[in-house]
Amino acid sequence: MSKVVYCRDVGFDCDGIVRAETEEEALKKVAEHAKSVHNIEEVTEEIVEKVRKVMRDE
């Protein structure tokens, strides 16, 4: 079962979707997306917790 995060669920007006096999991989991909698309240089623990709350199994 893989993990999926919809950027919109984190609170951004963005259609981005991150899919990964593990939570750790998903968090890494979310951080990359946040930096490249939303210009967020530092993914804080608050953001990580928000992402974990909206992460779904697929």
N, C-alpha and C. Protein backbone atom coordinates (compact mmCIF):
# COMPACT_ATOMS: atom_id res chain seq x y z
N MET A 1 0.86 -1.18 0.00
CA MET A 1 0.00 0.00 0.00
C MET A 1 0.90 1.24 0.00
N SER A 2 0.61 2.17 -0.88
CA SER A 2 1.42 3.38 -0.96
C SER A 2 0.76 4.53 -0.21
N LYS A 3 1.52 5.61 -0.06
CA LYS A 3 1.05 6.81 0.62
C LYS A 3 0.79 7.88 -0.42
N VAL A 4 -0.22 8.72 -0.17
CA VAL A 4 -0.54 9.82 -1.08
C VAL A 4 -0.85 11.06 -0.26
N VAL A 5 -0.35 12.20 -0.78
CA VAL A 5 -0.61 13.50 -0.16
C VAL A 5 -1.08 14.45 -1.25
N TYR A 6 -2.23 15.05 -1.03
CA TYR A 6 -2.75 16.07 -1.94
C TYR A 6 -2.36 17.42 -1.38
N CYS A 7 -1.65 18.20 -2.17
CA CYS A 7 -1.15 19.49 -1.71
C CYS A 7 -2.29 20.37 -1.20
N ARG A 8 -3.41 20.32 -1.85
CA ARG A 8 -4.58 21.11 -1.45
C ARG A 8 -5.01 20.78 -0.01
N ASP A 9 -4.86 19.50 0.39
CA ASP A 9 -5.22 19.09 1.74
C ASP A 9 -4.31 19.70 2.81
N VAL A 10 -3.11 20.08 2.39
CA VAL A 10 -2.15 20.70 3.32
C VAL A 10 -2.45 22.19 3.47
N GLY A 11 -3.25 22.74 2.55
CA GLY A 11 -3.66 24.13 2.67
C GLY A 11 -3.22 25.03 1.55
N PHE A 12 -2.64 24.45 0.50
CA PHE A 12 -2.20 25.25 -0.64
C PHE A 12 -3.21 25.18 -1.77
N ASP A 13 -3.30 26.24 -2.55
CA ASP A 13 -4.15 26.27 -3.73
C ASP A 13 -3.34 25.66 -4.87
N CYS A 14 -3.22 24.33 -4.83
CA CYS A 14 -2.32 23.62 -5.73
C CYS A 14 -2.90 22.24 -6.00
N ASP A 15 -2.80 21.80 -7.24
CA ASP A 15 -3.31 20.48 -7.61
C ASP A 15 -2.25 19.39 -7.50
N GLY A 16 -1.11 19.71 -6.87
CA GLY A 16 -0.02 18.74 -6.74
C GLY A 16 -0.42 17.53 -5.92
N ILE A 17 0.07 16.37 -6.36
CA ILE A 17 -0.17 15.10 -5.67
C ILE A 17 1.17 14.39 -5.54
N VAL A 18 1.47 13.93 -4.33
CA VAL A 18 2.70 13.18 -4.09
C VAL A 18 2.30 11.76 -3.73
N ARG A 19 2.93 10.81 -4.41
CA ARG A 19 2.72 9.40 -4.11
C ARG A 19 4.07 8.76 -3.83
N ALA A 20 4.09 7.87 -2.84
CA ALA A 20 5.33 7.18 -2.49
C ALA A 20 4.99 5.87 -1.80
N GLU A 21 5.96 4.99 -1.73
CA GLU A 21 5.75 3.68 -1.12
C GLU A 21 5.75 3.75 0.41
N THR A 22 6.51 4.70 0.99
CA THR A 22 6.62 4.79 2.44
C THR A 22 6.33 6.22 2.90
N GLU A 23 6.04 6.38 4.19
CA GLU A 23 5.82 7.71 4.75
C GLU A 23 7.07 8.56 4.62
N GLU A 24 8.22 7.97 4.89
CA GLU A 24 9.48 8.71 4.81
C GLU A 24 9.73 9.24 3.40
N GLU A 25 9.50 8.40 2.41
CA GLU A 25 9.68 8.81 1.01
C GLU A 25 8.67 9.90 0.63
N ALA A 26 7.44 9.76 1.12
CA ALA A 26 6.41 10.76 0.83
C ALA A 26 6.79 12.11 1.43
N LEU A 27 7.29 12.11 2.67
CA LEU A 27 7.70 13.36 3.30
C LEU A 27 8.85 14.02 2.54
N LYS A 28 9.77 13.22 2.04
CA LYS A 28 10.88 13.75 1.25
C LYS A 28 10.37 14.39 -0.03
N LYS A 29 9.46 13.70 -0.71
CA LYS A 29 8.89 14.24 -1.96
C LYS A 29 8.07 15.50 -1.71
N VAL A 30 7.34 15.53 -0.60
CA VAL A 30 6.56 16.71 -0.24
C VAL A 30 7.49 17.89 -0.01
N ALA A 31 8.60 17.66 0.68
CA ALA A 31 9.58 18.73 0.93
C ALA A 31 10.15 19.25 -0.38
N GLU A 32 10.46 18.35 -1.31
CA GLU A 32 10.97 18.76 -2.62
C GLU A 32 9.93 19.59 -3.37
N HIS A 33 8.69 19.15 -3.32
CA HIS A 33 7.59 19.88 -3.98
C HIS A 33 7.43 21.27 -3.36
N ALA A 34 7.46 21.33 -2.04
CA ALA A 34 7.30 22.61 -1.33
C ALA A 34 8.40 23.59 -1.73
N LYS A 35 9.61 23.11 -1.87
CA LYS A 35 10.73 23.97 -2.26
C LYS A 35 10.63 24.41 -3.71
N SER A 36 10.36 23.47 -4.60
CA SER A 36 10.39 23.79 -6.02
C SER A 36 9.15 24.55 -6.51
N VAL A 37 7.99 24.25 -5.94
CA VAL A 37 6.75 24.86 -6.43
C VAL A 37 6.31 26.04 -5.56
N HIS A 38 6.48 25.92 -4.25
CA HIS A 38 5.96 26.94 -3.34
C HIS A 38 7.04 27.82 -2.72
N ASN A 39 8.29 27.60 -3.14
CA ASN A 39 9.43 28.40 -2.66
C ASN A 39 9.56 28.37 -1.13
N ILE A 40 9.23 27.25 -0.53
CA ILE A 40 9.39 27.07 0.91
C ILE A 40 10.76 26.46 1.13
N GLU A 41 11.67 27.23 1.70
CA GLU A 41 13.04 26.77 1.89
C GLU A 41 13.17 25.80 3.06
N GLU A 42 12.42 26.04 4.13
CA GLU A 42 12.52 25.19 5.30
C GLU A 42 11.16 24.57 5.61
N VAL A 43 11.13 23.26 5.57
CA VAL A 43 9.91 22.54 5.93
C VAL A 43 9.96 22.32 7.44
N THR A 44 9.15 23.06 8.15
CA THR A 44 9.16 23.02 9.61
C THR A 44 8.45 21.77 10.14
N GLU A 45 8.65 21.51 11.41
CA GLU A 45 7.98 20.37 12.05
C GLU A 45 6.46 20.55 11.99
N GLU A 46 6.01 21.78 12.06
CA GLU A 46 4.57 22.07 11.96
C GLU A 46 4.02 21.62 10.61
N ILE A 47 4.76 21.89 9.55
CA ILE A 47 4.34 21.47 8.20
C ILE A 47 4.36 19.95 8.11
N VAL A 48 5.40 19.33 8.64
CA VAL A 48 5.52 17.87 8.60
C VAL A 48 4.32 17.22 9.31
N GLU A 49 3.95 17.74 10.47
CA GLU A 49 2.81 17.20 11.21
C GLU A 49 1.51 17.37 10.43
N LYS A 50 1.35 18.51 9.78
CA LYS A 50 0.16 18.76 8.97
C LYS A 50 0.09 17.76 7.81
N VAL A 51 1.24 17.51 7.19
CA VAL A 51 1.30 16.55 6.08
C VAL A 51 0.96 15.15 6.59
N ARG A 52 1.51 14.78 7.72
CA ARG A 52 1.21 13.45 8.27
C ARG A 52 -0.29 13.27 8.54
N LYS A 53 -0.95 14.32 8.99
CA LYS A 53 -2.38 14.24 9.29
C LYS A 53 -3.24 14.02 8.05
N VAL A 54 -2.80 14.55 6.90
CA VAL A 54 -3.60 14.43 5.69
C VAL A 54 -3.12 13.31 4.77
N MET A 55 -2.01 12.67 5.12
CA MET A 55 -1.47 11.57 4.30
C MET A 55 -2.44 10.40 4.34
N ARG A 56 -2.69 9.83 3.17
CA ARG A 56 -3.63 8.71 3.06
C ARG A 56 -2.95 7.47 2.51
N ASP A 57 -3.51 6.33 2.83
CA ASP A 57 -3.07 5.08 2.22
C ASP A 57 -3.83 4.92 0.92
N GLU A 58 -3.12 4.37 -0.04
CA GLU A 58 -3.74 4.17 -1.36
C GLU A 58 -3.53 2.75 -1.82
